[in-house]
Amino acid sequence: MIRLIQGNQRSAHARAIEEMHILRRIVFFERLGWDVKVKDGLEIDVFDQADPLYLLSIDPVTNAVRGTLRLLPTTGPNMLRDVFGCLLPDGEIVESSAIWESSRFAVHPTYVEERSSNRLNRTTGELFAGLVEVGLLAGLTQIVSVYDARMRRVLKQAGYPAEVIGVPQRIGSVMTYAGLGEVSEAALARIREAAGIEGSVLETASVEATVAHAA
């Protein structure tokens, strides 16, 4: 299931938030070798100070964090505008109350081999489904994100291909894209089918209040 945690609720969910930052260190610093800051074993960046909405995939047996992503409104600080603006034509920005940015998508190595019938990673499918569910609750039309060629293939496998905007560029050792994902019931249905999911993946009883605060 997907647990929603607003950035200003970090202290009330200290264990899960710490596991999330450890997971991000494992994936982005240790496995992918990204140029990210790690302090006290945790990967945390400036956008974690912007009151993001975190989506955490929680193991129903162990309560461990299986995967995570972060959502930020594009009307405030976000990675595409403030870090990866080179992916868009000069002077162009994505800024709308109906578009949020997804970033820091990560799946714990322990769970990478768990697959649906079409070989989609189960945690990945759950996170994508949760992403679109949150978008529908918040009245969004699209999700923007920056991703590499590997994730581009995963998005297609999940039935959730993004519309590439701007011009893809090689950043570091990988080809990097900016793309817009659709927020719709049809998109959610495609993801659920690819992931073998039935019904909502959102866990918390206060979902609507959490999303309303994020908006």
Foldseek 3Di string as FASTA:
>chain_A
DKEKDWLVCCVVVVVQVQLQQLQLCCPQCVPVNHPFDADPNGTDDPVSVVGWIKIFDADPPPRHTFWIKTKAAQQDDDCCVPPVVVQAPPPDGDHDRQEIEIDSTGGHPVQQQCADPLRQRLVVLLVVLQVLVLSVLLNHFKYKYKDFPVVQVNCVLLQWHWAFHGHWDDDDNTTMTITITGRDPVSSVSNCVSNVHDDHSYDDPCSSVSSVVSD
